[in-house]
């Protein structure tokens, strides 16, 4: 995979705005979520896996046409 990986610091109260801005601006295929945002991003996702539901936590997000 020819890809670039960057660390971005996003304050919790800016997740909704920053998340969508970054996805659109950088045309992301996906991203990882670190603590403390692993639960905070869930409401902004179109769906989550069975494993993420059990863990109540998300680590990797895929960006697709039908949502995150």
N, C-alpha and C. Protein backbone atom coordinates (compact mmCIF):
# COMPACT_ATOMS: atom_id res chain seq x y z
N UNK A 1 0.85 -1.18 0.00
CA UNK A 1 0.00 0.00 0.00
C UNK A 1 0.89 1.23 0.00
N UNK A 2 0.65 2.11 -0.92
CA UNK A 2 1.35 3.38 -0.96
C UNK A 2 0.51 4.36 -0.14
N UNK A 3 0.92 4.58 1.11
CA UNK A 3 0.10 5.38 2.01
C UNK A 3 0.98 6.24 2.91
N UNK A 4 0.33 7.19 3.54
CA UNK A 4 0.98 8.07 4.51
C UNK A 4 0.22 7.96 5.81
N UNK A 5 0.94 7.95 6.92
CA UNK A 5 0.32 7.83 8.24
C UNK A 5 0.75 9.02 9.08
N UNK A 6 -0.22 9.80 9.57
CA UNK A 6 0.06 10.98 10.39
C UNK A 6 -0.69 10.89 11.70
N UNK A 7 -0.11 11.46 12.72
CA UNK A 7 -0.78 11.56 14.01
C UNK A 7 -1.41 12.95 14.09
N UNK A 8 -2.70 13.00 14.40
CA UNK A 8 -3.42 14.26 14.54
C UNK A 8 -4.05 14.32 15.93
N UNK A 9 -3.90 15.44 16.58
CA UNK A 9 -4.50 15.63 17.90
C UNK A 9 -5.80 16.40 17.73
N UNK A 10 -6.90 15.77 18.12
CA UNK A 10 -8.22 16.39 17.99
C UNK A 10 -8.89 16.41 19.36
N UNK A 11 -9.19 17.60 19.88
CA UNK A 11 -9.91 17.67 21.16
C UNK A 11 -11.29 17.02 21.04
N UNK A 12 -11.72 16.38 22.10
CA UNK A 12 -12.99 15.64 22.10
C UNK A 12 -14.17 16.48 21.61
N UNK A 13 -14.24 17.75 22.03
CA UNK A 13 -15.38 18.59 21.64
C UNK A 13 -15.33 18.99 20.17
N UNK A 14 -14.24 18.70 19.47
CA UNK A 14 -14.12 19.04 18.05
C UNK A 14 -14.21 17.82 17.13
N UNK A 15 -14.47 16.65 17.71
CA UNK A 15 -14.51 15.42 16.91
C UNK A 15 -15.47 15.53 15.73
N UNK A 16 -16.74 15.90 15.90
CA UNK A 16 -17.65 15.89 14.75
C UNK A 16 -17.17 16.77 13.60
N UNK A 17 -16.81 18.00 13.90
CA UNK A 17 -16.38 18.94 12.87
C UNK A 17 -15.06 18.52 12.24
N UNK A 18 -14.06 18.24 13.06
CA UNK A 18 -12.74 17.88 12.57
C UNK A 18 -12.75 16.57 11.79
N UNK A 19 -13.51 15.62 12.26
CA UNK A 19 -13.55 14.31 11.62
C UNK A 19 -14.00 14.42 10.17
N UNK A 20 -15.11 15.06 9.93
CA UNK A 20 -15.63 15.16 8.58
C UNK A 20 -14.76 16.07 7.71
N UNK A 21 -14.20 17.12 8.28
CA UNK A 21 -13.30 18.00 7.54
C UNK A 21 -12.08 17.23 7.07
N UNK A 22 -11.48 16.46 7.95
CA UNK A 22 -10.29 15.69 7.60
C UNK A 22 -10.58 14.63 6.54
N UNK A 23 -11.70 13.93 6.70
CA UNK A 23 -12.05 12.88 5.74
C UNK A 23 -12.23 13.47 4.35
N UNK A 24 -12.93 14.60 4.26
CA UNK A 24 -13.18 15.22 2.97
C UNK A 24 -11.94 15.90 2.40
N UNK A 25 -11.26 16.66 3.22
CA UNK A 25 -10.10 17.43 2.75
C UNK A 25 -8.95 16.53 2.28
N UNK A 26 -8.71 15.46 3.03
CA UNK A 26 -7.59 14.58 2.71
C UNK A 26 -8.00 13.32 1.96
N UNK A 27 -9.32 13.20 1.67
CA UNK A 27 -9.85 12.03 0.97
C UNK A 27 -9.30 10.73 1.58
N UNK A 28 -9.51 10.60 2.87
CA UNK A 28 -9.00 9.45 3.61
C UNK A 28 -9.72 8.17 3.23
N UNK A 29 -8.97 7.08 3.17
CA UNK A 29 -9.56 5.76 2.99
C UNK A 29 -9.94 5.16 4.33
N UNK A 30 -9.29 5.64 5.37
CA UNK A 30 -9.54 5.15 6.72
C UNK A 30 -8.60 5.81 7.70
N UNK A 31 -8.83 5.51 8.98
CA UNK A 31 -7.97 6.06 10.02
C UNK A 31 -8.10 5.23 11.28
N UNK A 32 -7.12 5.38 12.16
CA UNK A 32 -7.15 4.71 13.46
C UNK A 32 -7.57 5.70 14.51
N UNK A 33 -8.16 5.19 15.57
CA UNK A 33 -8.60 6.02 16.69
C UNK A 33 -7.86 5.55 17.93
N UNK A 34 -7.32 6.51 18.67
CA UNK A 34 -6.62 6.16 19.90
C UNK A 34 -7.39 6.71 21.10
N UNK A 35 -6.96 6.28 22.27
CA UNK A 35 -7.57 6.79 23.50
C UNK A 35 -7.33 8.29 23.55
N UNK A 36 -8.27 9.05 24.00
CA UNK A 36 -9.52 8.69 24.66
C UNK A 36 -10.73 8.68 23.73
N UNK A 37 -10.54 8.61 22.42
CA UNK A 37 -11.64 8.77 21.47
C UNK A 37 -12.27 7.48 20.96
N UNK A 38 -11.81 6.33 21.44
CA UNK A 38 -12.30 5.05 20.91
C UNK A 38 -13.80 4.86 21.08
N UNK A 39 -14.39 5.45 22.09
CA UNK A 39 -15.84 5.38 22.28
C UNK A 39 -16.53 6.63 21.74
N UNK A 40 -15.84 7.76 21.80
CA UNK A 40 -16.44 9.04 21.41
C UNK A 40 -16.79 9.11 19.93
N UNK A 41 -16.11 8.37 19.06
CA UNK A 41 -16.39 8.43 17.63
C UNK A 41 -17.58 7.56 17.20
N UNK A 42 -17.97 6.63 18.02
CA UNK A 42 -19.02 5.67 17.65
C UNK A 42 -20.30 6.34 17.16
N UNK A 43 -20.80 7.40 17.81
CA UNK A 43 -22.05 8.02 17.32
C UNK A 43 -21.95 8.60 15.91
N UNK A 44 -20.75 8.81 15.40
CA UNK A 44 -20.56 9.42 14.09
C UNK A 44 -20.33 8.39 12.98
N UNK A 45 -20.44 7.12 13.33
CA UNK A 45 -20.19 6.05 12.37
C UNK A 45 -21.50 5.47 11.85
N UNK A 46 -21.50 5.07 10.58
CA UNK A 46 -22.70 4.48 9.97
C UNK A 46 -22.99 3.11 10.55
N UNK A 47 -21.98 2.45 11.05
CA UNK A 47 -22.14 1.13 11.65
C UNK A 47 -20.83 0.66 12.23
N UNK A 48 -20.89 -0.34 13.09
CA UNK A 48 -19.67 -0.90 13.66
C UNK A 48 -19.76 -2.43 13.66
N UNK A 49 -18.61 -3.05 13.72
CA UNK A 49 -18.55 -4.51 13.69
C UNK A 49 -19.09 -5.12 14.98
N UNK A 50 -19.35 -6.40 14.93
CA UNK A 50 -19.80 -7.13 16.11
C UNK A 50 -18.76 -7.02 17.22
N UNK A 51 -17.49 -7.15 16.85
CA UNK A 51 -16.41 -7.07 17.84
C UNK A 51 -16.34 -5.70 18.50
N UNK A 52 -16.51 -4.64 17.68
CA UNK A 52 -16.49 -3.28 18.23
C UNK A 52 -17.70 -3.05 19.14
N UNK A 53 -18.82 -3.65 18.79
CA UNK A 53 -20.02 -3.53 19.62
C UNK A 53 -19.79 -4.19 20.98
N UNK A 54 -19.21 -5.37 20.97
CA UNK A 54 -18.92 -6.08 22.22
C UNK A 54 -17.92 -5.30 23.07
N UNK A 55 -16.90 -4.75 22.42
CA UNK A 55 -15.85 -4.01 23.15
C UNK A 55 -16.28 -2.59 23.50
N UNK A 56 -17.37 -2.11 22.89
CA UNK A 56 -17.81 -0.71 23.05
C UNK A 56 -16.64 0.23 22.73
N UNK A 57 -15.92 -0.11 21.69
CA UNK A 57 -14.70 0.62 21.35
C UNK A 57 -14.37 0.40 19.88
N UNK A 58 -13.84 1.44 19.24
CA UNK A 58 -13.46 1.38 17.84
C UNK A 58 -11.98 1.70 17.71
N UNK A 59 -11.28 0.94 16.89
CA UNK A 59 -9.86 1.19 16.67
C UNK A 59 -9.59 1.68 15.24
N UNK A 60 -10.23 1.06 14.26
CA UNK A 60 -9.99 1.40 12.87
C UNK A 60 -11.30 1.77 12.19
N UNK A 61 -11.29 2.87 11.46
CA UNK A 61 -12.48 3.34 10.76
C UNK A 61 -12.21 3.36 9.26
N UNK A 62 -13.12 2.79 8.49
CA UNK A 62 -13.03 2.81 7.03
C UNK A 62 -13.92 3.93 6.51
N UNK A 63 -13.44 4.68 5.55
CA UNK A 63 -14.20 5.76 4.93
C UNK A 63 -14.78 5.24 3.62
N UNK A 64 -16.11 5.22 3.54
CA UNK A 64 -16.81 4.71 2.36
C UNK A 64 -17.85 5.72 1.93
N UNK A 65 -18.39 5.52 0.75
CA UNK A 65 -19.41 6.44 0.24
C UNK A 65 -20.66 6.48 1.11
N UNK A 66 -20.98 5.36 1.76
CA UNK A 66 -22.19 5.31 2.59
C UNK A 66 -21.92 5.74 4.03
N UNK A 67 -20.73 6.23 4.30
CA UNK A 67 -20.41 6.74 5.64
C UNK A 67 -19.16 6.13 6.21
N UNK A 68 -18.92 6.44 7.45
CA UNK A 68 -17.74 5.93 8.15
C UNK A 68 -18.07 4.62 8.85
